[in-house]
C-alpha cells in the first residue's frame, strides 16, 4: 500500500592503512577501520514486510484491514577494527 517510509540517514566510515618498507624480505602492513564514526542511530533496511500497515478504504467502499507494521533492521553502533599482516 506504500503507506510507510524509512527516514534518510547519514553514516561515515573511515579506513586508514600503512605499508612499511621491506624488513628482512617481508612487508608489514597495518589497517584501521572505523565504522559509523558519528554513532548515528538509524534503520538500515526492511526485515519483514506487511501488505498494509493501517486500515484503509478500498475502491468499492469496503475496509481493508491492516496487516500490522513491517519490521526494520537497526544499524550497528560505532565499531573499530584493526588488522595486521605480513607479506612474504
Protein backbone atom coordinates (compact mmCIF):
# COMPACT_ATOMS: atom_id res chain seq x y z
CA UNK A 1 0.00 0.00 0.00
CA UNK A 2 3.06 2.25 0.23
CA UNK A 3 1.87 3.80 3.49
CA UNK A 4 5.21 3.84 5.38
CA UNK A 5 8.69 5.18 4.68
CA UNK A 6 12.10 4.98 6.33
CA UNK A 7 13.71 8.33 7.13
CA UNK A 8 17.02 9.25 5.50
CA UNK A 9 20.29 8.89 7.38
CA UNK A 10 23.99 9.73 7.16
CA UNK A 11 26.75 7.34 8.09
CA UNK A 12 30.51 7.90 7.93
CA UNK A 13 33.20 5.21 7.76
CA UNK A 14 36.98 5.73 7.77
CA UNK A 15 39.80 3.44 6.66
CA UNK A 16 43.48 4.12 7.36
CA UNK A 17 46.40 1.90 6.46
CA UNK A 18 50.20 1.86 6.41
CA UNK A 19 52.51 -0.44 4.49
CA UNK A 20 56.04 -0.39 5.92
CA UNK A 21 59.16 -0.73 3.80
CA UNK A 22 60.68 -4.20 3.37
CA UNK A 23 62.19 -5.65 6.54
CA UNK A 24 64.09 -8.96 6.13
CA UNK A 25 62.22 -9.81 2.88
CA UNK A 26 58.83 -9.17 4.49
CA UNK A 27 56.45 -6.25 4.12
CA UNK A 28 54.41 -5.49 7.29
CA UNK A 29 51.06 -3.75 6.94
CA UNK A 30 48.51 -2.41 9.43
CA UNK A 31 44.94 -1.26 8.73
CA UNK A 32 42.42 0.54 10.93
CA UNK A 33 38.71 0.58 10.03
CA UNK A 34 36.21 2.81 11.82
CA UNK A 35 32.51 2.20 11.10
CA UNK A 36 29.63 4.58 11.90
CA UNK A 37 32.05 7.22 13.21
CA UNK A 38 29.28 9.59 14.36
CA UNK A 39 27.45 6.75 16.16
CA UNK A 40 24.21 7.65 14.33
CA UNK A 41 21.09 5.70 15.24
CA UNK A 42 19.10 4.70 12.14
CA UNK A 43 17.10 1.95 10.47
CA UNK A 44 19.24 0.25 7.85
CA UNK A 45 16.71 -1.88 5.97
CA UNK A 46 13.42 -3.75 5.93
CA UNK A 47 13.43 -7.07 7.82
CA UNK A 48 9.80 -8.11 7.32
CA UNK A 49 7.11 -6.68 5.09
CA UNK A 50 3.36 -6.23 5.55
CA UNK A 51 0.76 -5.60 2.83
CA UNK A 52 -0.70 -2.64 4.72
CA UNK A 53 0.33 -1.00 8.00
CA UNK A 54 -3.04 0.69 8.66
CA UNK A 55 -6.65 0.08 7.73
CA UNK A 56 -7.80 1.83 4.56
CA UNK A 57 -10.93 2.12 2.43
CA UNK A 58 -10.99 0.14 -0.82
CA UNK A 59 -12.27 1.41 -4.17
CA UNK A 60 -15.74 -0.13 -3.60
CA UNK A 61 -16.10 1.31 -0.08
CA UNK A 62 -15.06 -1.81 1.86
CA UNK A 63 -12.44 -1.58 4.61
CA UNK A 64 -9.11 -3.30 4.05
CA UNK A 65 -7.71 -4.44 7.38
CA UNK A 66 -4.15 -3.63 8.40
CA UNK A 67 -1.58 -6.42 8.30
CA UNK A 68 0.48 -4.97 11.16
CA UNK A 69 3.64 -2.94 10.95
CA UNK A 70 6.69 -4.03 9.00
CA UNK A 71 9.89 -4.70 10.94
CA UNK A 72 13.21 -2.99 10.31
CA UNK A 73 16.90 -3.70 10.93
CA UNK A 74 18.59 -1.33 13.37
CA UNK A 75 22.08 -0.28 12.25
CA UNK A 76 25.10 -1.11 14.35
CA UNK A 77 26.72 1.48 16.58
CA UNK A 78 30.33 2.70 16.35
CA UNK A 79 32.90 -0.07 15.77
CA UNK A 80 36.67 -0.12 15.24
CA UNK A 81 38.71 -2.92 13.70
CA UNK A 82 42.48 -3.30 13.44
CA UNK A 83 44.18 -5.71 11.05
CA UNK A 84 47.89 -6.52 10.82
CA UNK A 85 49.57 -8.71 8.20
CA UNK A 86 52.98 -9.53 6.81
CA UNK A 87 53.52 -10.26 3.11
CA UNK A 88 56.33 -12.71 2.41
